[in-house]
Amino acid sequence: MAVQGHNNYRRAHQVPDIKFDKETAEAAQKWADKLSLEGNMYHCDGEECGGCGENMATHSDRTKLSTTNYATWKWYNQLLEPGYNFDKPGPQANSGTLEFS
């Protein structure tokens, strides 16, 4: 579901689809398990996550996050709130849209 949700938004910007990658998923799960054990939430430095960055989401209804594309929608919605400046792409000019970019 998550890959399909991401790809729906990516297509709106003529960006190639992503594909599910088992090794990346395993590294992400390992990182999520670590955070869960710590009772904490913070971004990985890259090496512990298999060299990948991550987008994080939290919600009071855990089922909503695991059974819908709510998190993907929230990340994408940064395009509108706070807004993404396509004339100046990248994190410097768009600090509130890091998950979108």
N, C-alpha and C. Protein backbone atom coordinates (compact mmCIF):
# COMPACT_ATOMS: atom_id res chain seq x y z
N MET A 1 0.82 -1.19 0.00
CA MET A 1 0.00 0.00 0.00
C MET A 1 0.87 1.26 0.00
N ALA A 2 1.92 1.28 0.79
CA ALA A 2 2.75 2.48 0.89
C ALA A 2 3.44 2.79 -0.43
N VAL A 3 3.96 1.77 -1.09
CA VAL A 3 4.65 2.00 -2.37
C VAL A 3 3.67 2.57 -3.39
N GLN A 4 2.48 1.99 -3.47
CA GLN A 4 1.48 2.47 -4.42
C GLN A 4 1.09 3.92 -4.09
N GLY A 5 0.90 4.23 -2.81
CA GLY A 5 0.55 5.59 -2.42
C GLY A 5 1.63 6.59 -2.80
N HIS A 6 2.88 6.23 -2.55
CA HIS A 6 3.99 7.11 -2.94
C HIS A 6 4.01 7.31 -4.45
N ASN A 7 3.85 6.22 -5.18
CA ASN A 7 3.92 6.32 -6.64
C ASN A 7 2.80 7.15 -7.23
N ASN A 8 1.63 7.11 -6.63
CA ASN A 8 0.54 7.97 -7.10
C ASN A 8 0.94 9.44 -7.03
N TYR A 9 1.55 9.83 -5.94
CA TYR A 9 1.99 11.23 -5.80
C TYR A 9 3.19 11.52 -6.70
N ARG A 10 4.12 10.59 -6.83
CA ARG A 10 5.30 10.80 -7.67
C ARG A 10 4.90 11.02 -9.13
N ARG A 11 3.91 10.29 -9.59
CA ARG A 11 3.46 10.43 -10.98
C ARG A 11 2.92 11.82 -11.26
N ALA A 12 2.35 12.46 -10.25
CA ALA A 12 1.84 13.82 -10.44
C ALA A 12 2.96 14.80 -10.77
N HIS A 13 4.19 14.41 -10.49
CA HIS A 13 5.35 15.28 -10.74
C HIS A 13 6.30 14.67 -11.77
N GLN A 14 5.79 13.71 -12.53
CA GLN A 14 6.56 13.04 -13.58
C GLN A 14 7.88 12.48 -13.05
N VAL A 15 7.82 11.90 -11.85
CA VAL A 15 8.98 11.28 -11.22
C VAL A 15 8.80 9.77 -11.31
N PRO A 16 9.85 9.03 -11.62
CA PRO A 16 9.72 7.57 -11.77
C PRO A 16 9.18 6.89 -10.51
N ASP A 17 8.47 5.81 -10.71
CA ASP A 17 7.96 5.01 -9.59
C ASP A 17 9.12 4.46 -8.76
N ILE A 18 8.83 4.25 -7.48
CA ILE A 18 9.75 3.50 -6.64
C ILE A 18 9.28 2.05 -6.61
N LYS A 19 10.16 1.15 -6.25
CA LYS A 19 9.82 -0.26 -6.15
C LYS A 19 10.17 -0.76 -4.76
N PHE A 20 9.39 -1.72 -4.28
CA PHE A 20 9.66 -2.32 -2.99
C PHE A 20 11.00 -3.03 -3.04
N ASP A 21 11.80 -2.82 -2.02
CA ASP A 21 13.10 -3.46 -1.92
C ASP A 21 13.19 -4.16 -0.56
N LYS A 22 13.34 -5.46 -0.58
CA LYS A 22 13.33 -6.26 0.64
C LYS A 22 14.43 -5.84 1.62
N GLU A 23 15.65 -5.62 1.12
CA GLU A 23 16.75 -5.23 2.01
C GLU A 23 16.49 -3.88 2.66
N THR A 24 15.95 -2.95 1.90
CA THR A 24 15.62 -1.64 2.47
C THR A 24 14.53 -1.77 3.52
N ALA A 25 13.53 -2.59 3.23
CA ALA A 25 12.45 -2.81 4.19
C ALA A 25 12.97 -3.44 5.48
N GLU A 26 13.89 -4.39 5.36
CA GLU A 26 14.46 -5.03 6.54
C GLU A 26 15.27 -4.03 7.37
N ALA A 27 16.04 -3.18 6.70
CA ALA A 27 16.82 -2.16 7.42
C ALA A 27 15.88 -1.16 8.11
N ALA A 28 14.80 -0.79 7.43
CA ALA A 28 13.83 0.13 8.02
C ALA A 28 13.16 -0.49 9.24
N GLN A 29 12.81 -1.77 9.15
CA GLN A 29 12.17 -2.44 10.28
C GLN A 29 13.12 -2.53 11.46
N LYS A 30 14.38 -2.82 11.18
CA LYS A 30 15.38 -2.90 12.24
C LYS A 30 15.49 -1.55 12.97
N TRP A 31 15.51 -0.47 12.19
CA TRP A 31 15.58 0.88 12.78
C TRP A 31 14.32 1.17 13.58
N ALA A 32 13.16 0.82 13.05
CA ALA A 32 11.90 1.05 13.75
C ALA A 32 11.85 0.26 15.06
N ASP A 33 12.34 -0.97 15.03
CA ASP A 33 12.37 -1.79 16.24
C ASP A 33 13.28 -1.16 17.30
N LYS A 34 14.42 -0.64 16.87
CA LYS A 34 15.35 0.03 17.80
C LYS A 34 14.67 1.23 18.46
N LEU A 35 14.01 2.06 17.64
CA LEU A 35 13.33 3.23 18.19
C LEU A 35 12.22 2.83 19.15
N SER A 36 11.51 1.76 18.81
CA SER A 36 10.44 1.29 19.66
C SER A 36 10.97 0.84 21.02
N LEU A 37 12.07 0.11 21.01
CA LEU A 37 12.69 -0.33 22.27
C LEU A 37 13.15 0.85 23.11
N GLU A 38 13.65 1.89 22.44
CA GLU A 38 14.12 3.08 23.14
C GLU A 38 12.96 3.96 23.59
N GLY A 39 11.80 3.78 22.99
CA GLY A 39 10.67 4.67 23.28
C GLY A 39 10.94 6.08 22.77
N ASN A 40 11.62 6.16 21.64
CA ASN A 40 12.06 7.44 21.11
C ASN A 40 11.79 7.48 19.61
N MET A 41 11.92 8.69 19.03
CA MET A 41 11.71 8.85 17.60
C MET A 41 12.66 9.93 17.10
N TYR A 42 13.59 9.53 16.26
CA TYR A 42 14.53 10.48 15.67
C TYR A 42 15.07 9.90 14.37
N HIS A 43 15.59 10.76 13.53
CA HIS A 43 16.08 10.32 12.22
C HIS A 43 17.41 9.58 12.36
N CYS A 44 17.59 8.63 11.51
CA CYS A 44 18.80 7.83 11.43
C CYS A 44 19.91 8.64 10.77
N ASP A 45 21.15 8.34 11.12
CA ASP A 45 22.27 9.03 10.48
C ASP A 45 22.58 8.46 9.11
N GLY A 46 21.90 7.44 8.70
CA GLY A 46 22.08 6.85 7.38
C GLY A 46 22.69 5.47 7.42
N GLU A 47 23.74 5.28 8.20
CA GLU A 47 24.42 3.99 8.20
C GLU A 47 23.57 2.90 8.86
N GLU A 48 22.95 3.20 9.98
CA GLU A 48 22.13 2.19 10.66
C GLU A 48 20.87 1.84 9.89
N CYS A 49 20.49 2.67 8.95
CA CYS A 49 19.27 2.42 8.16
C CYS A 49 19.60 1.91 6.77
N GLY A 50 20.75 1.37 6.58
CA GLY A 50 21.12 0.85 5.28
C GLY A 50 21.43 1.93 4.27
N GLY A 51 21.83 3.11 4.75
CA GLY A 51 22.19 4.20 3.86
C GLY A 51 21.00 4.98 3.33
N CYS A 52 19.82 4.71 3.83
CA CYS A 52 18.62 5.40 3.36
C CYS A 52 18.16 6.44 4.38
N GLY A 53 17.51 7.46 3.91
CA GLY A 53 16.84 8.40 4.80
C GLY A 53 15.45 7.86 5.10
N GLU A 54 14.72 8.56 5.92
CA GLU A 54 13.38 8.09 6.22
C GLU A 54 12.45 9.25 6.50
N ASN A 55 11.18 9.01 6.24
CA ASN A 55 10.12 9.91 6.64
C ASN A 55 9.42 9.23 7.80
N MET A 56 9.12 10.00 8.82
CA MET A 56 8.46 9.44 10.00
C MET A 56 7.08 10.04 10.16
N ALA A 57 6.23 9.27 10.80
CA ALA A 57 4.88 9.75 11.08
C ALA A 57 4.41 9.15 12.39
N THR A 58 3.59 9.90 13.07
CA THR A 58 2.97 9.40 14.29
C THR A 58 1.50 9.84 14.29
N HIS A 59 0.68 9.07 14.93
CA HIS A 59 -0.75 9.38 15.01
C HIS A 59 -1.30 8.63 16.22
N SER A 60 -2.29 9.19 16.84
CA SER A 60 -2.88 8.54 18.01
C SER A 60 -3.57 7.22 17.64
N ASP A 61 -3.96 7.07 16.40
CA ASP A 61 -4.60 5.85 15.93
C ASP A 61 -3.58 5.06 15.10
N ARG A 62 -2.89 4.12 15.73
CA ARG A 62 -1.84 3.36 15.05
C ARG A 62 -2.38 2.58 13.86
N THR A 63 -3.63 2.14 13.95
CA THR A 63 -4.24 1.40 12.85
C THR A 63 -4.34 2.29 11.61
N LYS A 64 -4.63 3.56 11.81
CA LYS A 64 -4.74 4.48 10.68
C LYS A 64 -3.43 4.56 9.92
N LEU A 65 -2.31 4.54 10.63
CA LEU A 65 -1.01 4.60 9.97
C LEU A 65 -0.67 3.30 9.24
N SER A 66 -1.08 2.18 9.79
CA SER A 66 -0.67 0.90 9.20
C SER A 66 -1.63 0.37 8.15
N THR A 67 -2.81 0.95 8.02
CA THR A 67 -3.79 0.42 7.07
C THR A 67 -4.24 1.44 6.03
N THR A 68 -3.65 2.61 6.02
CA THR A 68 -4.04 3.65 5.05
C THR A 68 -2.78 4.33 4.51
N ASN A 69 -2.96 5.24 3.61
CA ASN A 69 -1.87 6.06 3.11
C ASN A 69 -1.84 7.42 3.81
N TYR A 70 -2.34 7.47 5.05
CA TYR A 70 -2.40 8.72 5.79
C TYR A 70 -1.02 9.37 5.92
N ALA A 71 -0.01 8.60 6.29
CA ALA A 71 1.33 9.18 6.47
C ALA A 71 1.85 9.74 5.15
N THR A 72 1.67 8.99 4.07
CA THR A 72 2.11 9.47 2.76
C THR A 72 1.40 10.77 2.40
N TRP A 73 0.11 10.83 2.65
CA TRP A 73 -0.66 12.05 2.38
C TRP A 73 -0.14 13.22 3.21
N LYS A 74 0.15 12.97 4.50
CA LYS A 74 0.66 14.06 5.36
C LYS A 74 2.00 14.57 4.83
N TRP A 75 2.88 13.69 4.41
CA TRP A 75 4.17 14.13 3.87
C TRP A 75 3.96 14.92 2.59
N TYR A 76 3.09 14.41 1.72
CA TYR A 76 2.85 15.08 0.46
C TYR A 76 2.19 16.43 0.68
N ASN A 77 1.33 16.53 1.67
CA ASN A 77 0.59 17.75 1.94
C ASN A 77 1.52 18.92 2.29
N GLN A 78 2.77 18.65 2.61
CA GLN A 78 3.73 19.73 2.85
C GLN A 78 3.89 20.60 1.60
N LEU A 79 3.55 20.03 0.45
CA LEU A 79 3.54 20.80 -0.79
C LEU A 79 2.66 22.04 -0.64
N LEU A 80 1.56 21.88 0.10
CA LEU A 80 0.61 22.97 0.30
C LEU A 80 0.82 23.71 1.63
N GLU A 81 1.16 22.97 2.65
CA GLU A 81 1.31 23.54 4.01
C GLU A 81 2.59 23.05 4.61
N PRO A 82 3.64 23.76 4.66
CA PRO A 82 3.73 25.21 4.51
C PRO A 82 3.87 25.69 3.07
N GLY A 83 4.08 24.78 2.12
CA GLY A 83 4.23 25.17 0.72
C GLY A 83 5.64 24.92 0.24
N TYR A 84 5.74 24.45 -0.98
CA TYR A 84 7.04 24.14 -1.57
C TYR A 84 7.33 25.13 -2.68
N ASN A 85 8.53 25.69 -2.69
CA ASN A 85 8.93 26.66 -3.69
C ASN A 85 9.67 25.94 -4.81
N PHE A 86 8.97 25.67 -5.90
CA PHE A 86 9.59 24.96 -7.02
C PHE A 86 10.63 25.80 -7.74
N ASP A 87 10.57 27.13 -7.56
CA ASP A 87 11.59 28.00 -8.16
C ASP A 87 12.93 27.88 -7.44
N LYS A 88 12.88 27.43 -6.18
CA LYS A 88 14.09 27.25 -5.38
C LYS A 88 14.02 25.87 -4.72
N PRO A 89 14.21 24.80 -5.50
CA PRO A 89 14.08 23.45 -4.93
C PRO A 89 15.17 23.13 -3.92
N GLY A 90 14.86 22.20 -3.04
CA GLY A 90 15.83 21.75 -2.06
C GLY A 90 15.52 22.21 -0.66
N PRO A 91 16.24 21.69 0.31
CA PRO A 91 15.93 21.94 1.72
C PRO A 91 16.23 23.37 2.20
N GLN A 92 17.16 24.07 1.58
CA GLN A 92 17.52 25.41 2.05
C GLN A 92 16.32 26.36 1.98
N ALA A 93 15.62 26.36 0.84
CA ALA A 93 14.49 27.28 0.65
C ALA A 93 13.17 26.67 1.09
N ASN A 94 13.17 25.41 1.49
CA ASN A 94 11.94 24.70 1.80
C ASN A 94 12.07 23.90 3.08
N SER A 95 12.52 24.53 4.13
CA SER A 95 12.84 23.80 5.36
C SER A 95 11.64 23.09 5.99
N GLY A 96 10.44 23.54 5.74
CA GLY A 96 9.26 22.89 6.31
C GLY A 96 8.72 21.78 5.45
N THR A 97 9.42 21.44 4.38
CA THR A 97 8.90 20.43 3.46
C THR A 97 9.90 19.32 3.22
N LEU A 98 10.67 18.97 4.22
CA LEU A 98 11.73 17.99 4.02
C LEU A 98 11.22 16.62 3.60
N GLU A 99 10.05 16.20 4.08
CA GLU A 99 9.53 14.90 3.67
C GLU A 99 9.01 14.97 2.25
N PHE A 100 8.47 16.11 1.82
CA PHE A 100 8.02 16.23 0.44
C PHE A 100 9.18 16.22 -0.53
N SER A 101 10.22 16.96 -0.20
CA SER A 101 11.32 17.10 -1.14
C SER A 101 12.15 15.84 -1.21
